[in-house]
PDB file of N, CA and C in Angstrom:
ATOM      1  N   MET A   1      71.416  57.815  69.714  1.00  0.00           N
ATOM      2  CA  MET A   1      71.309  58.972  70.540  1.00  0.00           C
ATOM      3  C   MET A   1      72.344  59.015  71.659  1.00  0.00           C
ATOM      4  N   LYS A   2      72.507  57.848  72.281  1.00  0.00           N
ATOM      5  CA  LYS A   2      73.483  57.727  73.378  1.00  0.00           C
ATOM      6  C   LYS A   2      74.909  57.985  72.902  1.00  0.00           C
ATOM      7  N   GLN A   3      75.263  57.492  71.696  1.00  0.00           N
ATOM      8  CA  GLN A   3      76.571  57.676  71.123  1.00  0.00           C
ATOM      9  C   GLN A   3      76.842  59.200  70.905  1.00  0.00           C
ATOM     10  N   ALA A   4      75.854  59.903  70.370  1.00  0.00           N
ATOM     11  CA  ALA A   4      75.978  61.356  70.112  1.00  0.00           C
ATOM     12  C   ALA A   4      76.214  62.074  71.430  1.00  0.00           C
ATOM     13  N   ASN A   5      75.491  61.684  72.453  1.00  0.00           N
ATOM     14  CA  ASN A   5      75.617  62.293  73.775  1.00  0.00           C
ATOM     15  C   ASN A   5      77.029  62.039  74.350  1.00  0.00           C
ATOM     16  N   LYS A   6      77.553  60.858  74.190  1.00  0.00           N
ATOM     17  CA  LYS A   6      78.886  60.450  74.653  1.00  0.00           C
ATOM     18  C   LYS A   6      79.943  61.260  73.867  1.00  0.00           C
ATOM     19  N   ASN A   7      79.742  61.417  72.576  1.00  0.00           N
ATOM     20  CA  ASN A   7      80.754  62.172  71.758  1.00  0.00           C
ATOM     21  C   ASN A   7      80.726  63.655  72.165  1.00  0.00           C
ATOM     22  N   ALA A   8      79.561  64.201  72.487  1.00  0.00           N
ATOM     23  CA  ALA A   8      79.500  65.578  72.910  1.00  0.00           C
ATOM     24  C   ALA A   8      80.204  65.760  74.232  1.00  0.00           C
ATOM     25  N   LYS A   9      79.997  64.835  75.153  1.00  0.00           N
ATOM     26  CA  LYS A   9      80.653  64.926  76.463  1.00  0.00           C
ATOM     27  C   LYS A   9      82.215  64.811  76.322  1.00  0.00           C
ATOM     28  N   THR A  10      82.648  63.946  75.446  1.00  0.00           N
ATOM     29  CA  THR A  10      84.078  63.772  75.160  1.00  0.00           C
ATOM     30  C   THR A  10      84.675  65.094  74.611  1.00  0.00           C
ATOM     31  N   GLN A  11      83.945  65.719  73.699  1.00  0.00           N
ATOM     32  CA  GLN A  11      84.445  66.970  73.111  1.00  0.00           C
ATOM     33  C   GLN A  11      84.534  68.044  74.158  1.00  0.00           C
ATOM     34  N   VAL A  12      83.588  68.151  75.041  1.00  0.00           N
ATOM     35  CA  VAL A  12      83.607  69.156  76.110  1.00  0.00           C
ATOM     36  C   VAL A  12      84.770  68.878  77.034  1.00  0.00           C
ATOM     37  N   ALA A  13      84.999  67.644  77.396  1.00  0.00           N
ATOM     38  CA  ALA A  13      86.102  67.271  78.272  1.00  0.00           C
ATOM     39  C   ALA A  13      87.435  67.596  77.650  1.00  0.00           C
ATOM     40  N   GLN A  14      87.546  67.350  76.342  1.00  0.00           N
ATOM     41  CA  GLN A  14      88.801  67.693  75.647  1.00  0.00           C
ATOM     42  C   GLN A  14      89.031  69.194  75.608  1.00  0.00           C
ATOM     43  N   ARG A  15      87.980  69.970  75.396  1.00  0.00           N
ATOM     44  CA  ARG A  15      88.202  71.414  75.388  1.00  0.00           C
ATOM     45  C   ARG A  15      88.543  71.914  76.772  1.00  0.00           C
ATOM     46  N   ASN A  16      87.945  71.317  77.808  1.00  0.00           N
ATOM     47  CA  ASN A  16      88.268  71.755  79.172  1.00  0.00           C
ATOM     48  C   ASN A  16      89.695  71.502  79.555  1.00  0.00           C
ATOM     49  N   THR A  17      90.291  70.394  79.022  1.00  0.00           N
ATOM     50  CA  THR A  17      91.677  70.142  79.387  1.00  0.00           C
ATOM     51  C   THR A  17      92.636  71.109  78.716  1.00  0.00           C
ATOM     52  N   LYS A  18      92.172  71.843  77.687  1.00  0.00           N
ATOM     53  CA  LYS A  18      93.020  72.812  76.975  1.00  0.00           C
ATOM     54  C   LYS A  18      92.984  74.198  77.613  1.00  0.00           C
ATOM     55  N   LEU A  19      92.096  74.351  78.633  1.00  0.00           N
ATOM     56  CA  LEU A  19      91.963  75.687  79.294  1.00  0.00           C
ATOM     57  C   LEU A  19      93.253  76.057  80.020  1.00  0.00           C
ATOM     58  N   LYS A  20      93.576  77.341  79.969  1.00  0.00           N
ATOM     59  CA  LYS A  20      94.727  77.805  80.708  1.00  0.00           C
ATOM     60  C   LYS A  20      94.249  78.841  81.691  1.00  0.00           C
ATOM     61  N   TRP A  21      94.617  78.729  82.967  1.00  0.00           N
ATOM     62  CA  TRP A  21      94.172  79.657  83.964  1.00  0.00           C
ATOM     63  C   TRP A  21      95.203  80.762  84.185  1.00  0.00           C
ATOM     64  N   TYR A  22      94.762  81.947  84.469  1.00  0.00           N
ATOM     65  CA  TYR A  22      95.624  83.099  84.679  1.00  0.00           C
ATOM     66  C   TYR A  22      95.313  83.687  86.009  1.00  0.00           C
ATOM     67  N   THR A  23      96.325  84.283  86.654  1.00  0.00           N
ATOM     68  CA  THR A  23      96.117  84.998  87.880  1.00  0.00           C
ATOM     69  C   THR A  23      95.527  86.383  87.602  1.00  0.00           C
ATOM     70  N   VAL A  24      95.070  87.067  88.633  1.00  0.00           N
ATOM     71  CA  VAL A  24      94.506  88.406  88.460  1.00  0.00           C
ATOM     72  C   VAL A  24      95.607  89.337  87.876  1.00  0.00           C
ATOM     73  N   GLY A  25      96.817  89.180  88.419  1.00  0.00           N
ATOM     74  CA  GLY A  25      97.940  89.979  87.958  1.00  0.00           C
ATOM     75  C   GLY A  25      98.235  89.775  86.473  1.00  0.00           C
ATOM     76  N   GLN A  26      98.165  88.515  86.030  1.00  0.00           N
ATOM     77  CA  GLN A  26      98.449  88.195  84.633  1.00  0.00           C
ATOM     78  C   GLN A  26      97.328  88.775  83.750  1.00  0.00           C
ATOM     79  N   THR A  27      96.121  88.710  84.280  1.00  0.00           N
ATOM     80  CA  THR A  27      94.995  89.173  83.429  1.00  0.00           C
ATOM     81  C   THR A  27      94.924  90.682  83.369  1.00  0.00           C
ATOM     82  N   PHE A  28      95.082  91.369  84.466  1.00  0.00           N
ATOM     83  CA  PHE A  28      94.949  92.802  84.502  1.00  0.00           C
ATOM     84  C   PHE A  28      96.217  93.599  84.559  1.00  0.00           C
ATOM     85  N   GLY A  29      97.340  92.917  84.632  1.00  0.00           N
ATOM     86  CA  GLY A  29      98.648  93.604  84.544  1.00  0.00           C
ATOM     87  C   GLY A  29      98.821  94.714  85.602  1.00  0.00           C
ATOM     88  N   LYS A  30      99.309  95.837  85.112  1.00  0.00           N
ATOM     89  CA  LYS A  30      99.610  96.939  85.996  1.00  0.00           C
ATOM     90  C   LYS A  30      98.409  97.457  86.782  1.00  0.00           C
ATOM     91  N   ALA A  31      97.266  97.414  86.130  1.00  0.00           N
ATOM     92  CA  ALA A  31      96.060  97.901  86.780  1.00  0.00           C
ATOM     93  C   ALA A  31      95.792  97.166  88.111  1.00  0.00           C
ATOM     94  N   SER A  32      96.149  95.895  88.179  1.00  0.00           N
ATOM     95  CA  SER A  32      95.861  95.111  89.364  1.00  0.00           C
ATOM     96  C   SER A  32      96.720  95.596  90.581  1.00  0.00           C
ATOM     97  N   LYS A  33      97.664  96.424  90.363  1.00  0.00           N
ATOM     98  CA  LYS A  33      98.503  96.894  91.420  1.00  0.00           C
ATOM     99  C   LYS A  33      98.037  98.228  92.021  1.00  0.00           C
ATOM    100  N   GLU A  34      97.071  98.818  91.332  1.00  0.00           N
ATOM    101  CA  GLU A  34      96.569 100.147  91.752  1.00  0.00           C
ATOM    102  C   GLU A  34      95.565  99.952  92.896  1.00  0.00           C
ATOM    103  N   LYS A  35      95.597 100.889  93.836  1.00  0.00           N
ATOM    104  CA  LYS A  35      94.729 100.781  95.032  1.00  0.00           C
ATOM    105  C   LYS A  35      93.264 100.776  94.683  1.00  0.00           C
ATOM    106  N   GLU A  36      92.849 101.595  93.752  1.00  0.00           N
ATOM    107  CA  GLU A  36      91.428 101.636  93.352  1.00  0.00           C
ATOM    108  C   GLU A  36      90.975 100.323  92.758  1.00  0.00           C
ATOM    109  N   PHE A  37      91.840  99.705  91.940  1.00  0.00           N
ATOM    110  CA  PHE A  37      91.504  98.385  91.374  1.00  0.00           C
ATOM    111  C   PHE A  37      91.380  97.381  92.515  1.00  0.00           C
ATOM    112  N   GLN A  38      92.312  97.348  93.437  1.00  0.00           N
ATOM    113  CA  GLN A  38      92.321  96.402  94.552  1.00  0.00           C
ATOM    114  C   GLN A  38      91.072  96.560  95.387  1.00  0.00           C
ATOM    115  N   ARG A  39      90.684  97.821  95.668  1.00  0.00           N
ATOM    116  CA  ARG A  39      89.498  98.107  96.432  1.00  0.00           C
ATOM    117  C   ARG A  39      88.256  97.580  95.708  1.00  0.00           C
ATOM    118  N   SER A  40      88.125  97.887  94.464  1.00  0.00           N
ATOM    119  CA  SER A  40      86.987  97.421  93.664  1.00  0.00           C
ATOM    120  C   SER A  40      86.947  95.932  93.550  1.00  0.00           C
ATOM    121  N   TYR A  41      88.081  95.304  93.341  1.00  0.00           N
ATOM    122  CA  TYR A  41      88.177  93.837  93.223  1.00  0.00           C
ATOM    123  C   TYR A  41      87.751  93.183  94.540  1.00  0.00           C
ATOM    124  N   LYS A  42      88.168  93.727  95.651  1.00  0.00           N
ATOM    125  CA  LYS A  42      87.782  93.191  96.967  1.00  0.00           C
ATOM    126  C   LYS A  42      86.270  93.332  97.171  1.00  0.00           C
ATOM    127  N   GLU A  43      85.717  94.500  96.776  1.00  0.00           N
ATOM    128  CA  GLU A  43      84.313  94.764  96.922  1.00  0.00           C
ATOM    129  C   GLU A  43      83.469  93.748  96.098  1.00  0.00           C
ATOM    130  N   GLU A  44      83.890  93.548  94.874  1.00  0.00           N
ATOM    131  CA  GLU A  44      83.159  92.605  93.989  1.00  0.00           C
ATOM    132  C   GLU A  44      83.262  91.193  94.500  1.00  0.00           C
ATOM    133  N   THR A  45      84.462  90.799  94.988  1.00  0.00           N
ATOM    134  CA  THR A  45      84.633  89.482  95.560  1.00  0.00           C
ATOM    135  C   THR A  45      83.752  89.280  96.768  1.00  0.00           C
ATOM    136  N   SER A  46      83.627  90.294  97.606  1.00  0.00           N
ATOM    137  CA  SER A  46      82.762  90.220  98.749  1.00  0.00           C
ATOM    138  C   SER A  46      81.307  90.093  98.358  1.00  0.00           C
ATOM    139  N   ARG A  47      80.893  90.835  97.353  1.00  0.00           N
ATOM    140  CA  ARG A  47      79.514  90.729  96.848  1.00  0.00           C
ATOM    141  C   ARG A  47      79.179  89.355  96.354  1.00  0.00           C
ATOM    142  N   ILE A  48      80.121  88.713  95.619  1.00  0.00           N
ATOM    143  CA  ILE A  48      79.917  87.375  95.104  1.00  0.00           C
ATOM    144  C   ILE A  48      79.854  86.368  96.269  1.00  0.00           C
ATOM    145  N   LYS A  49      80.692  86.508  97.260  1.00  0.00           N
ATOM    146  CA  LYS A  49      80.668  85.593  98.406  1.00  0.00           C
ATOM    147  C   LYS A  49      79.367  85.691  99.181  1.00  0.00           C
ATOM    148  N   ILE A  50      78.851  86.921  99.342  1.00  0.00           N
ATOM    149  CA  ILE A  50      77.592  87.118  99.982  1.00  0.00           C
ATOM    150  C   ILE A  50      76.465  86.413  99.209  1.00  0.00           C
ATOM    151  N   ALA A  51      76.497  86.612  97.925  1.00  0.00           N
ATOM    152  CA  ALA A  51      75.455  86.059  97.029  1.00  0.00           C
ATOM    153  C   ALA A  51      75.473  84.535  97.146  1.00  0.00           C
ATOM    154  N   GLN A  52      76.666  83.958  97.119  1.00  0.00           N
ATOM    155  CA  GLN A  52      76.776  82.485  97.227  1.00  0.00           C
ATOM    156  C   GLN A  52      76.306  81.986  98.593  1.00  0.00           C
ATOM    157  N   ALA A  53      76.645  82.719  99.644  1.00  0.00           N
ATOM    158  CA  ALA A  53      76.232  82.293 100.970  1.00  0.00           C
ATOM    159  C   ALA A  53      74.739  82.356 101.142  1.00  0.00           C
ATOM    160  N   ILE A  54      74.083  83.409 100.610  1.00  0.00           N
ATOM    161  CA  ILE A  54      72.675  83.503 100.701  1.00  0.00           C
ATOM    162  C   ILE A  54      71.992  82.399  99.972  1.00  0.00           C
ATOM    163  N   ARG A  55      72.464  82.125  98.773  1.00  0.00           N
ATOM    164  CA  ARG A  55      71.866  81.044  97.968  1.00  0.00           C
ATOM    165  C   ARG A  55      72.010  79.698  98.638  1.00  0.00           C
ATOM    166  N   GLU A  56      73.230  79.392  99.116  1.00  0.00           N
ATOM    167  CA  GLU A  56      73.469  78.098  99.767  1.00  0.00           C
ATOM    168  C   GLU A  56      72.628  77.993 101.023  1.00  0.00           C
ATOM    169  N   ALA A  57      72.486  79.013 101.777  1.00  0.00           N
ATOM    170  CA  ALA A  57      71.657  78.956 103.026  1.00  0.00           C
ATOM    171  C   ALA A  57      70.192  78.760 102.645  1.00  0.00           C
ATOM    172  N   ARG A  58      69.712  79.465 101.611  1.00  0.00           N
ATOM    173  CA  ARG A  58      68.369  79.310 101.189  1.00  0.00           C
ATOM    174  C   ARG A  58      68.054  77.879 100.692  1.00  0.00           C
ATOM    175  N   VAL A  59      68.962  77.360  99.884  1.00  0.00           N
ATOM    176  CA  VAL A  59      68.801  75.966  99.363  1.00  0.00           C
ATOM    177  C   VAL A  59      68.879  74.969 100.553  1.00  0.00           C
ATOM    178  N   ALA A  60      69.777  75.204 101.491  1.00  0.00           N
ATOM    179  CA  ALA A  60      69.871  74.289 102.637  1.00  0.00           C
ATOM    180  C   ALA A  60      68.564  74.280 103.461  1.00  0.00           C
ATOM    181  N   LYS A  61      67.851  75.395 103.476  1.00  0.00           N
ATOM    182  CA  LYS A  61      66.571  75.512 104.178  1.00  0.00           C
ATOM    183  C   LYS A  61      65.449  75.012 103.320  1.00  0.00           C
ATOM    184  N   LYS A  62      65.753  74.564 102.094  1.00  0.00           N
ATOM    185  CA  LYS A  62      64.773  74.056 101.171  1.00  0.00           C
ATOM    186  C   LYS A  62      63.706  75.057 100.789  1.00  0.00           C
ATOM    187  N   LEU A  63      64.172  76.324 100.631  1.00  0.00           N
ATOM    188  CA  LEU A  63      63.282  77.391 100.241  1.00  0.00           C
ATOM    189  C   LEU A  63      63.517  77.773  98.788  1.00  0.00           C
ATOM    190  N   THR A  64      62.461  78.064  98.065  1.00  0.00           N
ATOM    191  CA  THR A  64      62.616  78.643  96.747  1.00  0.00           C
ATOM    192  C   THR A  64      62.791  80.159  96.915  1.00  0.00           C
ATOM    193  N   GLN A  65      63.232  80.809  95.837  1.00  0.00           N
ATOM    194  CA  GLN A  65      63.337  82.288  95.877  1.00  0.00           C
ATOM    195  C   GLN A  65      61.954  82.904  96.176  1.00  0.00           C
ATOM    196  N   VAL A  66      60.943  82.306  95.584  1.00  0.00           N
ATOM    197  CA  VAL A  66      59.585  82.853  95.771  1.00  0.00           C
ATOM    198  C   VAL A  66      59.159  82.705  97.242  1.00  0.00           C
ATOM    199  N   ALA A  67      59.435  81.550  97.870  1.00  0.00           N
ATOM    200  CA  ALA A  67      59.013  81.297  99.226  1.00  0.00           C
ATOM    201  C   ALA A  67      59.791  82.252 100.190  1.00  0.00           C
ATOM    202  N   LEU A  68      61.082  82.437  99.927  1.00  0.00           N
ATOM    203  CA  LEU A  68      61.867  83.353 100.762  1.00  0.00           C
ATOM    204  C   LEU A  68      61.383  84.790 100.614  1.00  0.00           C
ATOM    205  N   ALA A  69      61.104  85.166  99.342  1.00  0.00           N
ATOM    206  CA  ALA A  69      60.606  86.510  99.112  1.00  0.00           C
ATOM    207  C   ALA A  69      59.313  86.753  99.842  1.00  0.00           C
ATOM    208  N   LYS A  70      58.382  85.794  99.879  1.00  0.00           N
ATOM    209  CA  LYS A  70      57.102  85.975 100.564  1.00  0.00           C
ATOM    210  C   LYS A  70      57.348  86.143 102.059  1.00  0.00           C
ATOM    211  N   ARG A  71      58.313  85.394 102.612  1.00  0.00           N
ATOM    212  CA  ARG A  71      58.561  85.455 104.049  1.00  0.00           C
ATOM    213  C   ARG A  71      59.123  86.821 104.467  1.00  0.00           C
ATOM    214  N   VAL A  72      59.889  87.429 103.578  1.00  0.00           N
ATOM    215  CA  VAL A  72      60.501  88.733 103.908  1.00  0.00           C
ATOM    216  C   VAL A  72      59.718  89.894 103.291  1.00  0.00           C
ATOM    217  N   ASN A  73      58.550  89.552 102.643  1.00  0.00           N
ATOM    218  CA  ASN A  73      57.678  90.583 102.074  1.00  0.00           C
ATOM    219  C   ASN A  73      58.386  91.413 100.997  1.00  0.00           C
ATOM    220  N   MET A  74      59.031  90.761 100.086  1.00  0.00           N
ATOM    221  CA  MET A  74      59.743  91.408  98.965  1.00  0.00           C
ATOM    222  C   MET A  74      59.421  90.686  97.713  1.00  0.00           C
ATOM    223  N   PRO A  75      59.622  91.315  96.542  1.00  0.00           N
ATOM    224  CA  PRO A  75      59.469  90.639  95.294  1.00  0.00           C
ATOM    225  C   PRO A  75      60.563  89.563  95.095  1.00  0.00           C
ATOM    226  N   GLN A  76      60.210  88.512  94.412  1.00  0.00           N
ATOM    227  CA  GLN A  76      61.211  87.446  94.142  1.00  0.00           C
ATOM    228  C   GLN A  76      62.400  87.976  93.371  1.00  0.00           C
ATOM    229  N   SER A  77      62.212  89.015  92.598  1.00  0.00           N
ATOM    230  CA  SER A  77      63.308  89.582  91.820  1.00  0.00           C
ATOM    231  C   SER A  77      64.427  90.171  92.675  1.00  0.00           C
ATOM    232  N   VAL A  78      64.033  90.587  93.859  1.00  0.00           N
ATOM    233  CA  VAL A  78      65.100  91.094  94.802  1.00  0.00           C
ATOM    234  C   VAL A  78      65.996  89.964  95.231  1.00  0.00           C
ATOM    235  N   ILE A  79      65.418  88.839  95.528  1.00  0.00           N
ATOM    236  CA  ILE A  79      66.238  87.668  95.892  1.00  0.00           C
ATOM    237  C   ILE A  79      67.111  87.194  94.769  1.00  0.00           C
ATOM    238  N   ALA A  80      66.521  87.195  93.555  1.00  0.00           N
ATOM    239  CA  ALA A  80      67.292  86.809  92.343  1.00  0.00           C
ATOM    240  C   ALA A  80      68.454  87.731  92.084  1.00  0.00           C
ATOM    241  N   ARG A  81      68.182  89.047  92.200  1.00  0.00           N
ATOM    242  CA  ARG A  81      69.274  90.002  91.965  1.00  0.00           C
ATOM    243  C   ARG A  81      70.378  89.865  93.044  1.00  0.00           C
ATOM    244  N   LEU A  82      69.975  89.645  94.256  1.00  0.00           N
ATOM    245  CA  LEU A  82      70.945  89.439  95.368  1.00  0.00           C
ATOM    246  C   LEU A  82      71.776  88.221  95.111  1.00  0.00           C
ATOM    247  N   GLU A  83      71.129  87.095  94.804  1.00  0.00           N
ATOM    248  CA  GLU A  83      71.871  85.854  94.561  1.00  0.00           C
ATOM    249  C   GLU A  83      72.701  85.912  93.293  1.00  0.00           C
ATOM    250  N   GLY A  84      72.336  86.779  92.361  1.00  0.00           N
ATOM    251  CA  GLY A  84      73.087  86.930  91.112  1.00  0.00           C
ATOM    252  C   GLY A  84      74.422  87.630  91.396  1.00  0.00           C
ATOM    253  N   GLY A  85      74.441  88.430  92.430  1.00  0.00           N
ATOM    254  CA  GLY A  85      75.666  89.106  92.818  1.00  0.00           C
ATOM    255  C   GLY A  85      76.031  90.300  91.957  1.00  0.00           C
ATOM    256  N   ASN A  86      75.137  90.675  91.048  1.00  0.00           N
ATOM    257  CA  ASN A  86      75.435  91.777  90.159  1.00  0.00           C
ATOM    258  C   ASN A  86      74.941  93.138  90.604  1.00  0.00           C
ATOM    259  N   HIS A  87      74.140  93.181  91.650  1.00  0.00           N
ATOM    260  CA  HIS A  87      73.517  94.440  92.092  1.00  0.00           C
ATOM    261  C   HIS A  87      73.828  94.605  93.565  1.00  0.00           C
ATOM    262  N   GLY A  88      73.930  95.852  93.975  1.00  0.00           N
ATOM    263  CA  GLY A  88      74.079  96.196  95.356  1.00  0.00           C
ATOM    264  C   GLY A  88      72.758  95.959  96.091  1.00  0.00           C
ATOM    265  N   VAL A  89      72.827  95.854  97.371  1.00  0.00           N
ATOM    266  CA  VAL A  89      71.629  95.614  98.197  1.00  0.00           C
ATOM    267  C   VAL A  89      71.809  96.389  99.485  1.00  0.00           C
ATOM    268  N   SER A  90      70.690  96.910  99.963  1.00  0.00           N
ATOM    269  CA  SER A  90      70.766  97.711 101.215  1.00  0.00           C
ATOM    270  C   SER A  90      71.050  96.772 102.392  1.00  0.00           C
ATOM    271  N   LEU A  91      71.647  97.336 103.408  1.00  0.00           N
ATOM    272  CA  LEU A  91      71.950  96.554 104.609  1.00  0.00           C
ATOM    273  C   LEU A  91      70.641  96.078 105.249  1.00  0.00           C
ATOM    274  N   ASP A  92      69.598  96.896 105.185  1.00  0.00           N
ATOM    275  CA  ASP A  92      68.304  96.515 105.722  1.00  0.00           C
ATOM    276  C   ASP A  92      67.760  95.277 105.011  1.00  0.00           C
ATOM    277  N   THR A  93      67.780  95.308 103.669  1.00  0.00           N
ATOM    278  CA  THR A  93      67.273  94.180 102.896  1.00  0.00           C
ATOM    279  C   THR A  93      68.139  92.897 103.194  1.00  0.00           C
ATOM    280  N   LEU A  94      69.437  93.096 103.166  1.00  0.00           N
ATOM    281  CA  LEU A  94      70.307  91.942 103.438  1.00  0.00           C
ATOM    282  C   LEU A  94      70.082  91.369 104.820  1.00  0.00           C
ATOM    283  N   SER A  95      69.856  92.237 105.777  1.00  0.00           N
ATOM    284  CA  SER A  95      69.613  91.780 107.158  1.00  0.00           C
ATOM    285  C   SER A  95      68.322  90.988 107.272  1.00  0.00           C
ATOM    286  N   LYS A  96      67.259  91.480 106.629  1.00  0.00           N
ATOM    287  CA  LYS A  96      65.981  90.751 106.679  1.00  0.00           C
ATOM    288  C   LYS A  96      66.089  89.376 106.077  1.00  0.00           C
ATOM    289  N   ILE A  97      66.762  89.301 104.920  1.00  0.00           N
ATOM    290  CA  ILE A  97      66.906  87.992 104.240  1.00  0.00           C
ATOM    291  C   ILE A  97      67.737  87.034 105.066  1.00  0.00           C
ATOM    292  N   ALA A  98      68.876  87.583 105.587  1.00  0.00           N
ATOM    293  CA  ALA A  98      69.768  86.758 106.405  1.00  0.00           C
ATOM    294  C   ALA A  98      69.091  86.229 107.629  1.00  0.00           C
ATOM    295  N   HIS A  99      68.330  87.059 108.288  1.00  0.00           N
ATOM    296  CA  HIS A  99      67.576  86.608 109.478  1.00  0.00           C
ATOM    297  C   HIS A  99      66.595  85.516 109.136  1.00  0.00           C
ATOM    298  N   GLU A 100      65.949  85.616 108.027  1.00  0.00           N
ATOM    299  CA  GLU A 100      64.932  84.622 107.637  1.00  0.00           C
ATOM    300  C   GLU A 100      65.578  83.265 107.328  1.00  0.00           C
ATOM    301  N   ILE A 101      66.816  83.229 106.904  1.00  0.00           N
ATOM    302  CA  ILE A 101      67.513  81.979 106.597  1.00  0.00           C
ATOM    303  C   ILE A 101      68.444  81.556 107.714  1.00  0.00           C
ATOM    304  N   GLY A 102      68.327  82.187 108.899  1.00  0.00           N
ATOM    305  CA  GLY A 102      69.029  81.732 110.024  1.00  0.00           C
ATOM    306  C   GLY A 102      70.451  82.271 110.085  1.00  0.00           C
ATOM    307  N   LYS A 103      70.736  83.396 109.413  1.00  0.00           N
ATOM    308  CA  LYS A 103      72.061  84.009 109.447  1.00  0.00           C
ATOM    309  C   LYS A 103      71.935  85.408 110.004  1.00  0.00           C
ATOM    310  N   GLN A 104      73.092  86.012 110.262  1.00  0.00           N
ATOM    311  CA  GLN A 104      73.088  87.419 110.645  1.00  0.00           C
ATOM    312  C   GLN A 104      74.231  88.150 109.955  1.00  0.00           C
ATOM    313  N   VAL A 105      74.014  89.400 109.733  1.00  0.00           N
ATOM    314  CA  VAL A 105      75.024  90.210 109.056  1.00  0.00           C
ATOM    315  C   VAL A 105      75.908  90.835 110.123  1.00  0.00           C
ATOM    316  N   GLU A 106      77.206  90.679 109.860  1.00  0.00           N
ATOM    317  CA  GLU A 106      78.186  91.291 110.774  1.00  0.00           C
ATOM    318  C   GLU A 106      79.058  92.239 110.003  1.00  0.00           C
ATOM    319  N   LEU A 107      79.306  93.379 110.498  1.00  0.00           N
ATOM    320  CA  LEU A 107      80.168  94.346 109.846  1.00  0.00           C
ATOM    321  C   LEU A 107      81.553  94.263 110.536  1.00  0.00           C
ATOM    322  N   VAL A 108      82.575  94.028 109.751  1.00  0.00           N
ATOM    323  CA  VAL A 108      83.893  93.878 110.315  1.00  0.00           C
ATOM    324  C   VAL A 108      84.832  94.963 109.744  1.00  0.00           C
TER     325      VAL A 108
END
C-alpha cells in the first residue's frame, strides 16, 4: 500500500513540473486590454481577496463556519458562500462578519 501511495505522489509531482503558467494577457489576449474586462477582473480579484481574508481571520480565531454564523445570526450557508468568493455579499453582512472576527470594512 505504501509503495502505491509513493508512486501516486511521484506521478502527481511529475505532472506538476510539466505545468506552464500564463499571464492574464496571454490567456485573454486583446480582451484583457479592454476597460470593462479590467474593471471586472479587478472586481473579481477583490472578491477573492475578501473571501480569503475572512476565512483566514475566522480560522485564526478558531471558529467554524457554524459558530461564526451563530454569532452573527445568519445561516452557515452565508459564511460558506462568502468564503467561496463566488457570490456577492451586502456591505451590512460583510460588516457584521468582519466585526465578529475582529476586522472592519474600509471603503477606499
